[in-house]
N, C-alpha and C. Protein backbone atom coordinates (compact mmCIF):
# COMPACT_ATOMS: atom_id res chain seq x y z
N MET A 1 -19.32 -39.91 1.41
CA MET A 1 -18.72 -39.21 2.06
C MET A 1 -19.20 -37.58 1.61
N THR A 2 -19.72 -36.90 2.35
CA THR A 2 -20.17 -35.46 2.18
C THR A 2 -19.05 -34.35 2.78
N SER A 3 -19.11 -33.54 2.16
CA SER A 3 -18.08 -32.37 2.62
C SER A 3 -19.08 -31.18 2.83
N ALA A 4 -19.13 -30.79 4.06
CA ALA A 4 -20.11 -29.74 4.53
C ALA A 4 -19.40 -28.45 4.32
N LEU A 5 -19.82 -27.40 4.05
CA LEU A 5 -19.41 -26.02 4.25
C LEU A 5 -19.41 -25.82 5.50
N PRO A 6 -18.37 -24.80 5.95
CA PRO A 6 -18.43 -24.25 7.30
C PRO A 6 -19.57 -23.19 7.08
N ALA A 7 -20.19 -22.91 8.52
CA ALA A 7 -21.47 -22.26 8.42
C ALA A 7 -20.88 -20.65 8.32
N SER A 8 -19.81 -20.42 8.47
CA SER A 8 -19.51 -19.12 8.18
C SER A 8 -19.44 -18.61 6.70
N SER A 9 -19.03 -19.78 5.77
CA SER A 9 -19.30 -19.27 4.42
C SER A 9 -20.70 -19.58 3.85
N ILE A 10 -21.36 -20.40 4.46
CA ILE A 10 -23.02 -20.57 4.22
C ILE A 10 -23.59 -19.08 4.46
N GLU A 11 -23.38 -18.54 5.65
CA GLU A 11 -23.81 -17.40 6.01
C GLU A 11 -23.38 -16.09 5.08
N SER A 12 -21.90 -16.36 4.87
CA SER A 12 -21.32 -15.26 3.76
C SER A 12 -22.34 -15.26 2.42
N GLY A 13 -22.50 -16.41 1.68
CA GLY A 13 -23.13 -16.41 0.49
C GLY A 13 -24.64 -16.02 0.80
N GLU A 14 -25.23 -16.32 1.93
CA GLU A 14 -26.67 -15.78 2.15
C GLU A 14 -26.51 -14.31 2.08
N GLN A 15 -25.46 -13.82 2.62
CA GLN A 15 -25.36 -12.45 2.77
C GLN A 15 -24.90 -11.50 1.47
N ASP A 16 -24.22 -12.44 0.72
CA ASP A 16 -23.79 -11.94 -0.89
C ASP A 16 -25.19 -11.89 -1.39
N GLU A 17 -25.80 -12.81 -1.47
CA GLU A 17 -27.13 -13.13 -2.40
C GLU A 17 -27.97 -11.74 -1.73
N ASN A 18 -28.20 -11.60 -0.77
CA ASN A 18 -28.96 -10.59 -0.04
C ASN A 18 -28.73 -9.31 -0.78
N ASP A 19 -27.24 -8.91 -0.44
CA ASP A 19 -26.70 -7.76 -0.97
C ASP A 19 -27.01 -7.54 -2.42
N LEU A 20 -26.89 -8.49 -3.16
CA LEU A 20 -27.04 -8.57 -4.73
C LEU A 20 -28.74 -8.20 -4.78
N LEU A 21 -29.53 -8.87 -4.31
CA LEU A 21 -30.86 -8.51 -4.29
C LEU A 21 -31.24 -7.11 -4.10
N GLU A 22 -30.55 -6.40 -2.96
CA GLU A 22 -30.68 -5.15 -2.67
C GLU A 22 -30.48 -4.15 -3.71
N ILE A 23 -29.09 -4.55 -4.60
CA ILE A 23 -28.47 -3.53 -5.43
C ILE A 23 -29.50 -3.80 -6.49
N VAL A 24 -30.17 -5.02 -6.69
CA VAL A 24 -30.94 -4.89 -8.04
C VAL A 24 -32.43 -4.19 -7.57
N GLU A 25 -32.60 -4.54 -6.77
CA GLU A 25 -33.90 -3.56 -6.11
C GLU A 25 -33.70 -1.99 -6.36
N GLU A 26 -32.44 -1.55 -5.75
CA GLU A 26 -32.29 -0.11 -5.91
C GLU A 26 -32.10 0.23 -7.32
N ILE A 27 -31.42 -0.51 -8.33
CA ILE A 27 -31.35 -0.12 -9.68
C ILE A 27 -32.83 -0.25 -10.27
N SER A 28 -33.63 -1.11 -9.98
CA SER A 28 -35.05 -1.18 -10.63
C SER A 28 -35.65 -0.08 -10.04
N ALA A 29 -35.58 0.47 -8.86
CA ALA A 29 -36.19 1.78 -8.45
C ALA A 29 -35.89 2.82 -9.10
N ALA A 30 -34.54 2.97 -9.40
CA ALA A 30 -34.16 4.33 -9.84
C ALA A 30 -34.48 4.38 -11.34
N VAL A 31 -34.75 3.22 -12.26
CA VAL A 31 -35.24 3.02 -13.39
C VAL A 31 -36.29 3.77 -13.51
N ALA A 32 -37.23 2.98 -12.53
CA ALA A 32 -38.92 3.39 -12.32
C ALA A 32 -38.90 4.34 -12.18
N ALA A 33 -38.09 5.38 -11.24
CA ALA A 33 -38.22 6.77 -11.19
C ALA A 33 -37.82 7.42 -12.13
N GLY A 34 -36.96 6.98 -12.93
CA GLY A 34 -36.53 7.87 -14.17
C GLY A 34 -37.76 7.73 -15.28
N LEU A 35 -38.61 6.97 -15.15
CA LEU A 35 -39.81 7.00 -16.35
C LEU A 35 -40.81 7.89 -15.70
N VAL A 36 -40.95 8.31 -14.67
CA VAL A 36 -41.72 9.25 -14.31
C VAL A 36 -41.13 10.65 -14.75
N PRO A 37 -41.77 11.29 -15.81
CA PRO A 37 -40.83 12.58 -16.40
C PRO A 37 -40.48 13.57 -15.12
N PHE A 38 -41.67 13.82 -14.63
CA PHE A 38 -41.15 15.22 -13.41
C PHE A 38 -40.51 14.82 -12.30
N LEU A 39 -40.58 13.59 -11.92
CA LEU A 39 -39.69 13.00 -10.67
C LEU A 39 -38.18 12.99 -11.23
N CYS A 40 -37.99 12.18 -12.44
CA CYS A 40 -36.85 12.44 -13.13
C CYS A 40 -36.05 13.79 -13.08
N GLN A 41 -37.02 14.43 -13.66
CA GLN A 41 -36.23 16.02 -13.88
C GLN A 41 -35.82 16.59 -12.62
N ALA A 42 -36.64 16.33 -11.63
CA ALA A 42 -36.46 17.27 -10.58
C ALA A 42 -35.30 16.42 -9.78
N ILE A 43 -34.86 15.17 -9.77
CA ILE A 43 -33.92 14.47 -9.13
C ILE A 43 -32.57 14.95 -10.09
N ASN A 44 -32.78 15.03 -11.40
CA ASN A 44 -31.71 15.60 -12.11
C ASN A 44 -31.21 16.96 -11.89
N ILE A 45 -32.27 17.66 -11.79
CA ILE A 45 -31.91 19.13 -11.42
C ILE A 45 -31.22 19.30 -10.37
N TYR A 46 -31.49 18.55 -9.16
CA TYR A 46 -30.87 18.66 -7.80
C TYR A 46 -29.60 18.22 -8.01
N ASP A 47 -29.31 16.86 -8.42
CA ASP A 47 -28.04 16.33 -8.51
C ASP A 47 -27.06 17.29 -9.16
N THR A 48 -27.64 17.69 -10.31
CA THR A 48 -26.66 18.53 -11.34
C THR A 48 -26.12 19.99 -10.39
N ILE A 49 -27.14 20.72 -9.70
CA ILE A 49 -26.81 21.82 -8.92
C ILE A 49 -26.17 21.27 -7.90
N GLU A 50 -26.14 20.51 -7.09
CA GLU A 50 -25.15 19.98 -5.88
C GLU A 50 -23.87 19.66 -6.41
N SER A 51 -24.03 19.00 -7.77
CA SER A 51 -22.66 18.88 -8.35
C SER A 51 -21.70 19.98 -8.71
N LEU A 52 -22.57 20.90 -9.21
CA LEU A 52 -21.84 22.37 -9.67
C LEU A 52 -21.43 23.02 -8.29
N LEU A 53 -21.96 22.99 -7.32
CA LEU A 53 -22.04 23.84 -6.08
C LEU A 53 -20.60 23.09 -5.59
N SER A 54 -20.46 21.70 -5.42
CA SER A 54 -19.32 21.10 -5.10
C SER A 54 -18.31 21.37 -5.59
N LEU A 55 -18.17 21.32 -7.30
CA LEU A 55 -17.27 21.77 -7.81
C LEU A 55 -16.50 23.08 -7.56
N ASN A 56 -17.54 23.97 -7.48
CA ASN A 56 -17.19 25.28 -7.28
C ASN A 56 -16.49 25.41 -5.74
N ASN A 57 -17.13 24.80 -4.80
CA ASN A 57 -16.60 25.16 -3.62
C ASN A 57 -15.21 24.06 -3.19
N SER A 58 -14.97 23.30 -4.16
CA SER A 58 -13.82 22.26 -3.73
C SER A 58 -12.26 23.01 -4.11
N HIS A 59 -11.50 22.87 -3.05
CA HIS A 59 -10.40 23.30 -3.21
C HIS A 59 -9.14 22.59 -3.36
N SER A 60 -9.23 21.05 -2.98
CA SER A 60 -8.35 20.34 -3.33
C SER A 60 -8.49 19.71 -4.66
N ALA A 61 -7.51 19.07 -5.06
CA ALA A 61 -7.46 18.07 -6.28
C ALA A 61 -8.32 16.95 -6.26
N GLU A 62 -8.23 16.45 -5.17
CA GLU A 62 -8.95 15.12 -4.94
C GLU A 62 -10.60 15.72 -4.82
N ALA A 63 -10.92 16.64 -4.02
CA ALA A 63 -12.26 16.83 -3.92
C ALA A 63 -12.92 17.48 -5.32
N GLN A 64 -11.99 18.17 -5.99
CA GLN A 64 -12.42 18.72 -7.53
C GLN A 64 -12.65 17.30 -8.43
N ALA A 65 -11.86 16.23 -8.02
CA ALA A 65 -11.98 15.03 -8.91
C ALA A 65 -13.13 14.44 -8.69
N GLU A 66 -13.51 14.50 -7.37
CA GLU A 66 -14.75 13.84 -6.89
C GLU A 66 -16.06 14.63 -7.29
N ALA A 67 -15.77 15.82 -7.40
CA ALA A 67 -16.81 16.72 -7.84
C ALA A 67 -17.11 16.67 -9.44
N LYS A 68 -16.09 16.32 -10.17
CA LYS A 68 -16.24 16.21 -11.46
C LYS A 68 -16.99 14.90 -11.76
N PHE A 69 -16.53 13.76 -10.87
CA PHE A 69 -17.21 12.70 -11.15
C PHE A 69 -18.65 12.72 -11.01
N ASP A 70 -19.03 13.40 -10.02
CA ASP A 70 -20.40 13.65 -9.67
C ASP A 70 -21.33 14.24 -10.64
N LEU A 71 -20.68 15.16 -11.09
CA LEU A 71 -21.09 16.04 -12.25
C LEU A 71 -21.51 15.22 -13.52
N VAL A 72 -20.48 14.56 -13.67
CA VAL A 72 -20.40 13.32 -14.84
C VAL A 72 -21.87 12.47 -14.83
N LEU A 73 -21.87 12.05 -13.62
CA LEU A 73 -23.09 11.11 -13.04
C LEU A 73 -24.30 11.79 -13.18
N ALA A 74 -24.44 13.03 -12.72
CA ALA A 74 -25.60 13.87 -12.84
C ALA A 74 -26.13 14.00 -14.26
N LEU A 75 -24.98 14.18 -15.37
CA LEU A 75 -25.19 14.24 -16.44
C LEU A 75 -25.65 12.99 -17.29
N VAL A 76 -25.33 12.02 -16.83
CA VAL A 76 -25.83 10.80 -17.11
C VAL A 76 -27.18 10.29 -16.84
N GLY A 77 -27.74 10.92 -15.85
CA GLY A 77 -28.89 10.83 -15.10
C GLY A 77 -29.97 11.56 -16.34
N TRP A 78 -29.50 12.62 -16.92
CA TRP A 78 -30.15 13.35 -17.97
C TRP A 78 -30.69 12.42 -19.11
N ILE A 79 -30.30 11.38 -19.33
CA ILE A 79 -30.47 10.44 -20.41
C ILE A 79 -31.91 9.68 -20.18
N PRO A 80 -32.77 10.08 -20.98
CA PRO A 80 -34.21 9.40 -20.81
C PRO A 80 -34.33 7.82 -20.70
N GLY A 81 -35.07 7.42 -19.84
CA GLY A 81 -35.12 6.07 -19.46
C GLY A 81 -33.97 5.40 -18.70
N ALA A 82 -33.13 5.01 -19.16
CA ALA A 82 -32.12 3.86 -18.34
C ALA A 82 -31.16 5.06 -17.89
N GLY A 83 -30.89 6.21 -17.81
CA GLY A 83 -30.17 7.17 -17.50
C GLY A 83 -29.91 7.14 -15.89
N ALA A 84 -31.02 6.90 -15.29
CA ALA A 84 -31.24 7.07 -13.61
C ALA A 84 -30.87 5.43 -13.36
N GLY A 85 -30.90 4.61 -13.96
CA GLY A 85 -30.47 3.32 -13.34
C GLY A 85 -28.84 3.21 -13.66
N VAL A 86 -28.36 3.75 -14.83
CA VAL A 86 -27.02 3.63 -15.20
C VAL A 86 -26.23 4.46 -13.83
N LYS A 87 -26.73 5.55 -13.60
CA LYS A 87 -26.38 6.41 -12.66
C LYS A 87 -26.27 5.79 -11.46
N ARG A 88 -27.19 5.24 -10.74
CA ARG A 88 -27.25 4.36 -9.71
C ARG A 88 -26.32 3.13 -9.58
N THR A 89 -26.40 2.62 -10.74
CA THR A 89 -25.37 1.40 -10.88
C THR A 89 -23.61 1.68 -10.79
N ILE A 90 -23.59 3.17 -11.41
CA ILE A 90 -22.09 3.37 -11.13
C ILE A 90 -21.89 3.86 -10.05
N ARG A 91 -22.96 4.42 -8.97
CA ARG A 91 -22.70 4.94 -7.91
C ARG A 91 -22.44 3.76 -6.85
N ILE A 92 -23.30 2.94 -6.94
CA ILE A 92 -23.15 1.39 -6.18
C ILE A 92 -21.77 0.87 -6.44
N VAL A 93 -21.31 0.74 -7.63
CA VAL A 93 -19.98 0.25 -7.85
C VAL A 93 -18.92 0.90 -7.28
N ASN A 94 -19.13 2.50 -7.74
CA ASN A 94 -18.03 3.22 -6.99
C ASN A 94 -17.82 3.26 -5.29
């Protein structure tokens, strides 16, 4: 006797696998971009300035908390090599 999985659970499993592959590709691309010095620095400058402006313009406590989190991630991005990958991973998880 064989038990077959419902079609919806098979499709769900395939979707989960596709999502995981997309996440791995995004992280790999972020790490690769982090290894290109000028590109990585430009991205980090943009993220840091954007985070500082968001923090300055935030009025509510929730908006300030989000801006501070973004600023921390922008600072993590300045770590040479893996910083961009770590930043992207945390953004995906969050």
